[in-house]
Amino acid sequence: MNDIPNTERSLLDREPCELAPHVTRNTELVDHTLSRAHNNLLRRLFPGELERVVYDHELEQIKTGFDYRQRLLHMAVETKLQAVEEMCNHLLVTGKSEIRRERQEFFAGQSLKLQAAMDECTDTFNQQIDGRFQRLDNLRNDYLRHKEEDRLLKAVEQFHAMLEELAAEFVAIIHEGISR
């Protein structure tokens, strides 16, 4: 028995030699009790104290086995749920970043379109206003020339204020975010 490594021998085989008779006796008692409890119909119908102890221990072993399997199943389910949750979080993060990228591209494109439209409107407006300012010299009445000059200056101020307001509103729309 000493030539077998400790890892390959059972727990009972590794007991000190002094305990060997007790271990053997215990094994014989358990075997005898189990054979009496299982092979005798009368003992199964009317168990004695010893059979009840054996039955209680067998029942406890079965309960322990069930509890162990239930904990394993619970751990397996929790692990699967955690994996699914992590996968969903990954998809959500990737989806959000894709939406953000598309949103930024969209607003950048819209900003370019707005800037081009504002430039075109400004060029047209400036040409018209410049022509009107040149025609001011043709007016002979100083009062009319002064009033028309004030009106044109006011139109220029309003036009540029409107452009600044449109640009500010566009930026405000971008910073609003998407809440729904």
N, C-alpha and C. Protein backbone atom coordinates (compact mmCIF):
# COMPACT_ATOMS: atom_id res chain seq x y z
N MET A 1 0.82 -1.19 0.00
CA MET A 1 0.00 0.00 0.00
C MET A 1 0.86 1.25 0.00
N ASN A 2 2.05 1.19 0.51
CA ASN A 2 2.91 2.37 0.58
C ASN A 2 3.55 2.71 -0.74
N ASP A 3 3.51 1.82 -1.75
CA ASP A 3 4.12 2.13 -3.04
C ASP A 3 3.19 2.92 -3.94
N ILE A 4 1.92 3.11 -3.57
CA ILE A 4 0.96 3.92 -4.35
C ILE A 4 1.07 5.36 -3.87
N PRO A 5 1.20 6.33 -4.81
CA PRO A 5 1.27 7.74 -4.39
C PRO A 5 -0.01 8.16 -3.67
N ASN A 6 0.11 9.12 -2.76
CA ASN A 6 -1.03 9.58 -1.95
C ASN A 6 -2.16 10.12 -2.79
N THR A 7 -1.89 10.72 -3.94
CA THR A 7 -2.95 11.31 -4.75
C THR A 7 -3.84 10.26 -5.39
N GLU A 8 -3.34 9.02 -5.56
CA GLU A 8 -4.12 7.98 -6.22
C GLU A 8 -4.87 7.11 -5.22
N ARG A 9 -4.58 7.20 -3.95
CA ARG A 9 -5.26 6.39 -2.94
C ARG A 9 -6.46 7.16 -2.39
N SER A 10 -7.49 6.41 -1.97
CA SER A 10 -8.67 7.07 -1.42
C SER A 10 -8.35 7.66 -0.06
N LEU A 11 -9.24 8.50 0.42
CA LEU A 11 -9.04 9.15 1.71
C LEU A 11 -8.93 8.13 2.83
N LEU A 12 -9.76 7.08 2.78
CA LEU A 12 -9.72 6.06 3.83
C LEU A 12 -8.43 5.26 3.80
N ASP A 13 -7.87 5.05 2.59
CA ASP A 13 -6.62 4.30 2.47
C ASP A 13 -5.44 5.09 3.03
N ARG A 14 -5.57 6.38 3.15
CA ARG A 14 -4.46 7.19 3.64
C ARG A 14 -4.49 7.36 5.15
N GLU A 15 -5.45 6.75 5.83
CA GLU A 15 -5.53 6.83 7.29
C GLU A 15 -4.35 6.08 7.90
N PRO A 16 -3.95 6.47 9.08
CA PRO A 16 -2.86 5.73 9.76
C PRO A 16 -3.23 4.26 9.97
N CYS A 17 -2.24 3.44 10.02
CA CYS A 17 -2.45 1.99 10.17
C CYS A 17 -3.22 1.63 11.43
N GLU A 18 -3.08 2.44 12.47
CA GLU A 18 -3.79 2.16 13.73
C GLU A 18 -5.30 2.23 13.55
N LEU A 19 -5.75 3.01 12.59
CA LEU A 19 -7.20 3.17 12.38
C LEU A 19 -7.77 2.11 11.45
N ALA A 20 -6.94 1.34 10.81
CA ALA A 20 -7.40 0.36 9.82
C ALA A 20 -8.47 -0.58 10.37
N PRO A 21 -8.31 -1.14 11.57
CA PRO A 21 -9.38 -2.04 12.07
C PRO A 21 -10.71 -1.30 12.27
N HIS A 22 -10.63 -0.06 12.69
CA HIS A 22 -11.86 0.71 12.92
C HIS A 22 -12.55 1.04 11.60
N VAL A 23 -11.74 1.40 10.60
CA VAL A 23 -12.29 1.71 9.28
C VAL A 23 -12.93 0.47 8.68
N THR A 24 -12.26 -0.64 8.79
CA THR A 24 -12.79 -1.91 8.27
C THR A 24 -14.10 -2.25 8.98
N ARG A 25 -14.12 -2.11 10.30
CA ARG A 25 -15.33 -2.41 11.08
C ARG A 25 -16.48 -1.48 10.67
N ASN A 26 -16.19 -0.23 10.48
CA ASN A 26 -17.21 0.74 10.07
C ASN A 26 -17.77 0.36 8.70
N THR A 27 -16.91 -0.01 7.76
CA THR A 27 -17.35 -0.41 6.44
C THR A 27 -18.25 -1.63 6.52
N GLU A 28 -17.88 -2.60 7.36
CA GLU A 28 -18.70 -3.80 7.51
C GLU A 28 -20.06 -3.46 8.09
N LEU A 29 -20.10 -2.55 9.07
CA LEU A 29 -21.38 -2.15 9.68
C LEU A 29 -22.28 -1.45 8.67
N VAL A 30 -21.70 -0.57 7.88
CA VAL A 30 -22.49 0.14 6.87
C VAL A 30 -23.03 -0.83 5.83
N ASP A 31 -22.16 -1.74 5.35
CA ASP A 31 -22.61 -2.74 4.37
C ASP A 31 -23.71 -3.62 4.95
N HIS A 32 -23.53 -4.07 6.18
CA HIS A 32 -24.52 -4.93 6.84
C HIS A 32 -25.85 -4.17 7.00
N THR A 33 -25.77 -2.93 7.45
CA THR A 33 -26.98 -2.14 7.66
C THR A 33 -27.71 -1.89 6.35
N LEU A 34 -26.96 -1.55 5.32
CA LEU A 34 -27.59 -1.30 4.03
C LEU A 34 -28.25 -2.56 3.49
N SER A 35 -27.59 -3.70 3.62
CA SER A 35 -28.20 -4.94 3.13
C SER A 35 -29.44 -5.28 3.93
N ARG A 36 -29.40 -5.04 5.23
CA ARG A 36 -30.60 -5.29 6.07
C ARG A 36 -31.71 -4.33 5.70
N ALA A 37 -31.37 -3.07 5.46
CA ALA A 37 -32.40 -2.06 5.19
C ALA A 37 -33.03 -2.26 3.82
N HIS A 38 -32.26 -2.72 2.87
CA HIS A 38 -32.77 -2.83 1.51
C HIS A 38 -33.29 -4.22 1.16
N ASN A 39 -32.82 -5.25 1.82
CA ASN A 39 -33.19 -6.62 1.44
C ASN A 39 -34.32 -7.20 2.27
N ASN A 40 -34.67 -6.59 3.33
CA ASN A 40 -35.69 -7.14 4.21
C ASN A 40 -36.95 -6.28 4.10
N LEU A 41 -38.03 -6.89 3.60
CA LEU A 41 -39.28 -6.16 3.41
C LEU A 41 -39.84 -5.69 4.74
N LEU A 42 -39.76 -6.55 5.73
CA LEU A 42 -40.30 -6.21 7.05
C LEU A 42 -39.55 -5.01 7.63
N ARG A 43 -38.23 -4.98 7.44
CA ARG A 43 -37.42 -3.86 7.94
C ARG A 43 -37.76 -2.57 7.17
N ARG A 44 -38.06 -2.70 5.88
CA ARG A 44 -38.40 -1.50 5.11
C ARG A 44 -39.76 -0.96 5.52
N LEU A 45 -40.69 -1.86 5.86
CA LEU A 45 -42.02 -1.42 6.28
C LEU A 45 -42.01 -0.88 7.71
N PHE A 46 -41.24 -1.52 8.57
CA PHE A 46 -41.17 -1.10 9.97
C PHE A 46 -39.70 -0.91 10.35
N PRO A 47 -39.12 0.21 9.92
CA PRO A 47 -37.69 0.39 10.16
C PRO A 47 -37.39 0.59 11.64
N GLY A 48 -36.27 0.06 12.05
CA GLY A 48 -35.78 0.28 13.40
C GLY A 48 -34.97 1.56 13.42
N GLU A 49 -34.36 1.79 14.58
CA GLU A 49 -33.57 3.01 14.75
C GLU A 49 -32.41 3.07 13.75
N LEU A 50 -31.74 1.96 13.59
CA LEU A 50 -30.59 1.90 12.69
C LEU A 50 -31.01 2.16 11.24
N GLU A 51 -32.12 1.56 10.81
CA GLU A 51 -32.60 1.78 9.44
C GLU A 51 -33.02 3.24 9.23
N ARG A 52 -33.63 3.81 10.26
CA ARG A 52 -34.02 5.22 10.15
C ARG A 52 -32.80 6.13 10.02
N VAL A 53 -31.74 5.82 10.75
CA VAL A 53 -30.51 6.60 10.65
C VAL A 53 -29.93 6.47 9.24
N VAL A 54 -29.89 5.23 8.72
CA VAL A 54 -29.38 5.00 7.38
C VAL A 54 -30.26 5.73 6.37
N TYR A 55 -31.57 5.59 6.51
CA TYR A 55 -32.50 6.25 5.60
C TYR A 55 -32.32 7.78 5.65
N ASP A 56 -32.20 8.33 6.86
CA ASP A 56 -32.01 9.78 7.01
C ASP A 56 -30.72 10.25 6.33
N HIS A 57 -29.65 9.46 6.48
CA HIS A 57 -28.38 9.83 5.86
C HIS A 57 -28.45 9.71 4.33
N GLU A 58 -29.13 8.67 3.85
CA GLU A 58 -29.29 8.55 2.40
C GLU A 58 -30.11 9.72 1.86
N LEU A 59 -31.16 10.06 2.58
CA LEU A 59 -32.00 11.20 2.19
C LEU A 59 -31.18 12.50 2.21
N GLU A 60 -30.36 12.66 3.22
CA GLU A 60 -29.51 13.85 3.31
C GLU A 60 -28.52 13.90 2.15
N GLN A 61 -27.98 12.76 1.76
CA GLN A 61 -27.07 12.70 0.60
C GLN A 61 -27.79 13.11 -0.67
N ILE A 62 -29.00 12.62 -0.84
CA ILE A 62 -29.78 12.96 -2.04
C ILE A 62 -30.08 14.46 -2.05
N LYS A 63 -30.49 15.00 -0.89
CA LYS A 63 -30.77 16.44 -0.81
C LYS A 63 -29.52 17.26 -1.11
N THR A 64 -28.39 16.82 -0.57
CA THR A 64 -27.13 17.52 -0.84
C THR A 64 -26.80 17.50 -2.32
N GLY A 65 -27.01 16.36 -2.96
CA GLY A 65 -26.77 16.25 -4.40
C GLY A 65 -27.68 17.19 -5.18
N PHE A 66 -28.95 17.23 -4.80
CA PHE A 66 -29.89 18.13 -5.48
C PHE A 66 -29.50 19.60 -5.26
N ASP A 67 -29.15 19.94 -4.02
CA ASP A 67 -28.74 21.32 -3.74
C ASP A 67 -27.51 21.70 -4.55
N TYR A 68 -26.57 20.78 -4.63
CA TYR A 68 -25.34 21.02 -5.38
C TYR A 68 -25.66 21.25 -6.87
N ARG A 69 -26.50 20.38 -7.44
CA ARG A 69 -26.86 20.54 -8.85
C ARG A 69 -27.66 21.83 -9.08
N GLN A 70 -28.52 22.17 -8.11
CA GLN A 70 -29.29 23.40 -8.25
C GLN A 70 -28.37 24.63 -8.22
N ARG A 71 -27.37 24.64 -7.33
CA ARG A 71 -26.42 25.76 -7.28
C ARG A 71 -25.62 25.83 -8.58
N LEU A 72 -25.21 24.67 -9.11
CA LEU A 72 -24.48 24.66 -10.38
C LEU A 72 -25.34 25.22 -11.50
N LEU A 73 -26.60 24.79 -11.54
CA LEU A 73 -27.52 25.28 -12.58
C LEU A 73 -27.72 26.78 -12.45
N HIS A 74 -27.90 27.25 -11.21
CA HIS A 74 -28.07 28.68 -10.96
C HIS A 74 -26.84 29.46 -11.43
N MET A 75 -25.65 28.96 -11.11
CA MET A 75 -24.42 29.61 -11.54
C MET A 75 -24.32 29.62 -13.06
N ALA A 76 -24.69 28.51 -13.71
CA ALA A 76 -24.63 28.44 -15.17
C ALA A 76 -25.59 29.45 -15.80
N VAL A 77 -26.80 29.54 -15.25
CA VAL A 77 -27.78 30.49 -15.78
C VAL A 77 -27.30 31.92 -15.57
N GLU A 78 -26.76 32.22 -14.39
CA GLU A 78 -26.25 33.57 -14.12
C GLU A 78 -25.11 33.92 -15.07
N THR A 79 -24.25 32.95 -15.33
CA THR A 79 -23.14 33.18 -16.25
C THR A 79 -23.65 33.48 -17.65
N LYS A 80 -24.63 32.68 -18.11
CA LYS A 80 -25.21 32.91 -19.44
C LYS A 80 -25.89 34.28 -19.50
N LEU A 81 -26.64 34.63 -18.45
CA LEU A 81 -27.31 35.93 -18.43
C LEU A 81 -26.31 37.07 -18.47
N GLN A 82 -25.22 36.93 -17.73
CA GLN A 82 -24.19 37.97 -17.73
C GLN A 82 -23.56 38.09 -19.11
N ALA A 83 -23.33 36.95 -19.77
CA ALA A 83 -22.75 36.99 -21.12
C ALA A 83 -23.70 37.69 -22.09
N VAL A 84 -25.01 37.40 -21.98
CA VAL A 84 -26.00 38.04 -22.85
C VAL A 84 -26.05 39.54 -22.56
N GLU A 85 -26.01 39.91 -21.28
CA GLU A 85 -26.04 41.32 -20.92
C GLU A 85 -24.82 42.06 -21.48
N GLU A 86 -23.65 41.45 -21.36
CA GLU A 86 -22.44 42.07 -21.89
C GLU A 86 -22.52 42.20 -23.41
N MET A 87 -23.08 41.19 -24.08
CA MET A 87 -23.23 41.25 -25.52
C MET A 87 -24.18 42.39 -25.91
N CYS A 88 -25.29 42.50 -25.18
CA CYS A 88 -26.25 43.59 -25.46
C CYS A 88 -25.62 44.96 -25.22
N ASN A 89 -24.85 45.08 -24.14
CA ASN A 89 -24.17 46.35 -23.87
C ASN A 89 -23.18 46.69 -24.99
N HIS A 90 -22.47 45.68 -25.46
CA HIS A 90 -21.53 45.90 -26.56
C HIS A 90 -22.27 46.38 -27.81
N LEU A 91 -23.39 45.71 -28.12
CA LEU A 91 -24.17 46.12 -29.30
C LEU A 91 -24.73 47.53 -29.13
N LEU A 92 -25.17 47.84 -27.92
CA LEU A 92 -25.71 49.17 -27.65
C LEU A 92 -24.64 50.24 -27.83
N VAL A 93 -23.45 49.97 -27.30
CA VAL A 93 -22.36 50.94 -27.41
C VAL A 93 -21.97 51.12 -28.88
N THR A 94 -21.85 50.00 -29.60
CA THR A 94 -21.47 50.11 -31.02
C THR A 94 -22.57 50.80 -31.80
N GLY A 95 -23.81 50.48 -31.49
CA GLY A 95 -24.93 51.13 -32.18
C GLY A 95 -24.97 52.63 -31.91
N LYS A 96 -24.73 53.00 -30.65
CA LYS A 96 -24.73 54.42 -30.31
C LYS A 96 -23.61 55.16 -31.03
N SER A 97 -22.45 54.55 -31.06
CA SER A 97 -21.33 55.23 -31.73
C SER A 97 -21.61 55.38 -33.22
N GLU A 98 -22.26 54.39 -33.82
CA GLU A 98 -22.62 54.48 -35.24
C GLU A 98 -23.65 55.59 -35.46
N ILE A 99 -24.62 55.69 -34.56
CA ILE A 99 -25.63 56.75 -34.66
C ILE A 99 -24.97 58.12 -34.49
N ARG A 100 -24.05 58.23 -33.53
CA ARG A 100 -23.35 59.50 -33.32
C ARG A 100 -22.54 59.88 -34.57
N ARG A 101 -21.85 58.90 -35.15
CA ARG A 101 -21.07 59.18 -36.35
C ARG A 101 -21.98 59.65 -37.48
N GLU A 102 -23.09 58.96 -37.70
CA GLU A 102 -24.03 59.35 -38.75
C GLU A 102 -24.61 60.74 -38.48
N ARG A 103 -24.91 61.00 -37.22
CA ARG A 103 -25.47 62.30 -36.83
C ARG A 103 -24.47 63.41 -37.11
N GLN A 104 -23.20 63.18 -36.74
CA GLN A 104 -22.17 64.20 -36.99
C GLN A 104 -21.98 64.44 -38.49
N GLU A 105 -21.97 63.35 -39.26
CA GLU A 105 -21.84 63.50 -40.71
C GLU A 105 -23.02 64.28 -41.28
N PHE A 106 -24.23 63.95 -40.81
CA PHE A 106 -25.43 64.64 -41.30
C PHE A 106 -25.36 66.13 -41.00
N PHE A 107 -25.05 66.48 -39.74
CA PHE A 107 -25.02 67.89 -39.37
C PHE A 107 -23.87 68.63 -40.05
N ALA A 108 -22.75 67.94 -40.27
CA ALA A 108 -21.65 68.58 -41.00
C ALA A 108 -22.09 68.89 -42.43
N GLY A 109 -22.78 67.95 -43.06
CA GLY A 109 -23.29 68.18 -44.42
C GLY A 109 -24.31 69.30 -44.45
N GLN A 110 -25.20 69.31 -43.47
CA GLN A 110 -26.22 70.37 -43.41
C GLN A 110 -25.57 71.73 -43.14
N SER A 111 -24.52 71.73 -42.32
CA SER A 111 -23.81 72.98 -42.04
C SER A 111 -23.17 73.53 -43.31
N LEU A 112 -22.59 72.64 -44.12
CA LEU A 112 -22.00 73.09 -45.39
C LEU A 112 -23.07 73.64 -46.32
N LYS A 113 -24.22 72.96 -46.39
CA LYS A 113 -25.31 73.44 -47.25
C LYS A 113 -25.81 74.80 -46.77
N LEU A 114 -25.96 74.95 -45.45
CA LEU A 114 -26.43 76.21 -44.89
C LEU A 114 -25.43 77.33 -45.19
N GLN A 115 -24.16 77.04 -44.99
CA GLN A 115 -23.13 78.05 -45.25
C GLN A 115 -23.13 78.47 -46.73
N ALA A 116 -23.27 77.48 -47.62
CA ALA A 116 -23.30 77.79 -49.06
C ALA A 116 -24.53 78.64 -49.39
N ALA A 117 -25.68 78.28 -48.83
CA ALA A 117 -26.90 79.05 -49.09
C ALA A 117 -26.78 80.47 -48.53
N MET A 118 -26.20 80.60 -47.33
CA MET A 118 -26.02 81.93 -46.73
C MET A 118 -25.04 82.77 -47.55
N ASP A 119 -23.97 82.13 -48.04
CA ASP A 119 -23.01 82.86 -48.89
C ASP A 119 -23.67 83.36 -50.16
N GLU A 120 -24.49 82.50 -50.76
CA GLU A 120 -25.18 82.89 -52.00
C GLU A 120 -26.15 84.04 -51.74
N CYS A 121 -26.91 83.94 -50.66
CA CYS A 121 -27.85 85.02 -50.30
C CYS A 121 -27.09 86.31 -50.00
N THR A 122 -25.96 86.19 -49.30
CA THR A 122 -25.18 87.37 -48.95
C THR A 122 -24.62 88.04 -50.21
N ASP A 123 -24.12 87.23 -51.13
CA ASP A 123 -23.60 87.80 -52.38
C ASP A 123 -24.70 88.54 -53.14
N THR A 124 -25.86 87.92 -53.25
CA THR A 124 -26.98 88.56 -53.95
C THR A 124 -27.39 89.84 -53.23
N PHE A 125 -27.52 89.77 -51.92
CA PHE A 125 -27.92 90.93 -51.12
C PHE A 125 -26.90 92.06 -51.28
N ASN A 126 -25.61 91.70 -51.16
CA ASN A 126 -24.56 92.73 -51.26
C ASN A 126 -24.56 93.41 -52.63
N GLN A 127 -24.78 92.65 -53.69
CA GLN A 127 -24.83 93.24 -55.04
C GLN A 127 -26.00 94.23 -55.14
N GLN A 128 -27.16 93.81 -54.62
CA GLN A 128 -28.33 94.69 -54.67
C GLN A 128 -28.11 95.95 -53.84
N ILE A 129 -27.58 95.78 -52.64
CA ILE A 129 -27.36 96.93 -51.76
C ILE A 129 -26.29 97.86 -52.36
N ASP A 130 -25.25 97.27 -52.91
CA ASP A 130 -24.20 98.09 -53.52
C ASP A 130 -24.77 98.93 -54.67
N GLY A 131 -25.62 98.31 -55.46
CA GLY A 131 -26.27 99.06 -56.55
C GLY A 131 -27.12 100.18 -56.02
N ARG A 132 -27.81 99.95 -54.94
CA ARG A 132 -28.67 101.00 -54.36
C ARG A 132 -27.83 102.13 -53.77
N PHE A 133 -26.70 101.75 -53.13
CA PHE A 133 -25.83 102.80 -52.59
C PHE A 133 -25.25 103.65 -53.73
N GLN A 134 -24.95 103.05 -54.85
CA GLN A 134 -24.43 103.80 -56.00
C GLN A 134 -25.50 104.74 -56.55
N ARG A 135 -26.75 104.32 -56.49
CA ARG A 135 -27.84 105.17 -57.01
C ARG A 135 -28.16 106.33 -56.08
N LEU A 136 -27.64 106.24 -54.83
CA LEU A 136 -27.89 107.35 -53.90
C LEU A 136 -27.32 108.67 -54.45
N ASP A 137 -26.20 108.57 -55.15
CA ASP A 137 -25.58 109.79 -55.70
C ASP A 137 -26.49 110.46 -56.73
N ASN A 138 -27.40 109.70 -57.32
CA ASN A 138 -28.30 110.28 -58.33
C ASN A 138 -29.44 111.09 -57.70
N LEU A 139 -29.66 110.85 -56.40
CA LEU A 139 -30.73 111.61 -55.74
C LEU A 139 -30.23 113.03 -55.45
N ARG A 140 -31.05 114.02 -55.84
CA ARG A 140 -30.64 115.40 -55.66
C ARG A 140 -31.02 115.95 -54.29
N ASN A 141 -32.08 115.44 -53.76
CA ASN A 141 -32.56 115.93 -52.47
C ASN A 141 -31.74 115.30 -51.35
N ASP A 142 -31.13 116.16 -50.52
CA ASP A 142 -30.29 115.68 -49.42
C ASP A 142 -31.09 114.88 -48.39
N TYR A 143 -32.28 115.38 -48.13
CA TYR A 143 -33.13 114.69 -47.14
C TYR A 143 -33.46 113.28 -47.61
N LEU A 144 -33.88 113.14 -48.87
CA LEU A 144 -34.21 111.82 -49.42
C LEU A 144 -32.97 110.92 -49.46
N ARG A 145 -31.84 111.50 -49.85
CA ARG A 145 -30.62 110.72 -49.90
C ARG A 145 -30.26 110.23 -48.49
N HIS A 146 -30.38 111.10 -47.49
CA HIS A 146 -30.07 110.72 -46.10
C HIS A 146 -31.03 109.63 -45.60
N LYS A 147 -32.33 109.80 -45.86
CA LYS A 147 -33.33 108.80 -45.42
C LYS A 147 -33.07 107.45 -46.10
N GLU A 148 -32.80 107.47 -47.41
CA GLU A 148 -32.55 106.22 -48.15
C GLU A 148 -31.26 105.55 -47.65
N GLU A 149 -30.24 106.37 -47.34
CA GLU A 149 -28.99 105.82 -46.82
C GLU A 149 -29.23 105.15 -45.46
N ASP A 150 -30.02 105.79 -44.58
CA ASP A 150 -30.35 105.21 -43.27
C ASP A 150 -31.12 103.90 -43.44
N ARG A 151 -32.07 103.89 -44.37
CA ARG A 151 -32.86 102.68 -44.62
C ARG A 151 -31.96 101.55 -45.12
N LEU A 152 -31.05 101.85 -46.03
CA LEU A 152 -30.14 100.83 -46.57
C LEU A 152 -29.19 100.32 -45.48
N LEU A 153 -28.68 101.21 -44.65
CA LEU A 153 -27.79 100.79 -43.54
C LEU A 153 -28.55 99.90 -42.55
N LYS A 154 -29.80 100.29 -42.29
CA LYS A 154 -30.63 99.48 -41.39
C LYS A 154 -30.90 98.10 -42.00
N ALA A 155 -31.14 98.03 -43.29
CA ALA A 155 -31.37 96.75 -43.99
C ALA A 155 -30.12 95.88 -43.91
N VAL A 156 -28.95 96.49 -44.06
CA VAL A 156 -27.69 95.73 -43.96
C VAL A 156 -27.54 95.16 -42.55
N GLU A 157 -27.79 95.98 -41.54
CA GLU A 157 -27.67 95.52 -40.14
C GLU A 157 -28.66 94.38 -39.87
N GLN A 158 -29.89 94.54 -40.31
CA GLN A 158 -30.91 93.50 -40.09
C GLN A 158 -30.55 92.21 -40.81
N PHE A 159 -30.04 92.33 -42.02
CA PHE A 159 -29.68 91.15 -42.80
C PHE A 159 -28.56 90.37 -42.09
N HIS A 160 -27.54 91.08 -41.65
CA HIS A 160 -26.42 90.40 -40.97
C HIS A 160 -26.84 89.85 -39.60
N ALA A 161 -27.71 90.54 -38.91
CA ALA A 161 -28.23 90.03 -37.63
C ALA A 161 -29.04 88.75 -37.87
N MET A 162 -29.83 88.76 -38.97
CA MET A 162 -30.62 87.56 -39.30
C MET A 162 -29.69 86.38 -39.62
N LEU A 163 -28.61 86.62 -40.35
CA LEU A 163 -27.65 85.55 -40.66
C LEU A 163 -27.01 84.99 -39.39
N GLU A 164 -26.63 85.86 -38.49
CA GLU A 164 -26.03 85.42 -37.22
C GLU A 164 -27.04 84.61 -36.40
N GLU A 165 -28.29 85.06 -36.39
CA GLU A 165 -29.33 84.34 -35.64
C GLU A 165 -29.58 82.96 -36.23
N LEU A 166 -29.62 82.87 -37.57
CA LEU A 166 -29.80 81.57 -38.22
C LEU A 166 -28.66 80.61 -37.88
N ALA A 167 -27.43 81.12 -37.92
CA ALA A 167 -26.27 80.29 -37.59
C ALA A 167 -26.33 79.84 -36.13
N ALA A 168 -26.72 80.73 -35.24
CA ALA A 168 -26.82 80.39 -33.81
C ALA A 168 -27.92 79.35 -33.57
N GLU A 169 -29.06 79.49 -34.27
CA GLU A 169 -30.14 78.52 -34.13
C GLU A 169 -29.72 77.14 -34.65
N PHE A 170 -28.96 77.13 -35.73
CA PHE A 170 -28.47 75.85 -36.27
C PHE A 170 -27.55 75.17 -35.25
N VAL A 171 -26.66 75.93 -34.66
CA VAL A 171 -25.75 75.37 -33.64
C VAL A 171 -26.56 74.89 -32.43
N ALA A 172 -27.58 75.62 -32.05
CA ALA A 172 -28.43 75.23 -30.92
C ALA A 172 -29.15 73.90 -31.22
N ILE A 173 -29.59 73.72 -32.45
CA ILE A 173 -30.24 72.47 -32.84
C ILE A 173 -29.26 71.31 -32.71
N ILE A 174 -28.03 71.53 -33.12
CA ILE A 174 -27.01 70.47 -33.02
C ILE A 174 -26.77 70.09 -31.57
N HIS A 175 -26.74 71.09 -30.69
CA HIS A 175 -26.44 70.82 -29.28
C HIS A 175 -27.63 70.33 -28.48
N GLU A 176 -28.84 70.38 -29.06
CA GLU A 176 -30.02 69.88 -28.35
C GLU A 176 -29.90 68.41 -28.03
N GLY A 177 -29.38 67.63 -28.95
CA GLY A 177 -29.28 66.19 -28.75
C GLY A 177 -30.57 65.50 -29.15
N ILE A 178 -30.49 64.18 -29.14
CA ILE A 178 -31.64 63.37 -29.50
C ILE A 178 -32.11 62.71 -28.21
N SER A 179 -33.33 63.05 -27.78
CA SER A 179 -33.82 62.49 -26.52
C SER A 179 -34.86 61.41 -26.73
N ARG A 180 -35.35 61.26 -27.92
CA ARG A 180 -36.39 60.23 -28.15
C ARG A 180 -35.97 59.29 -29.21
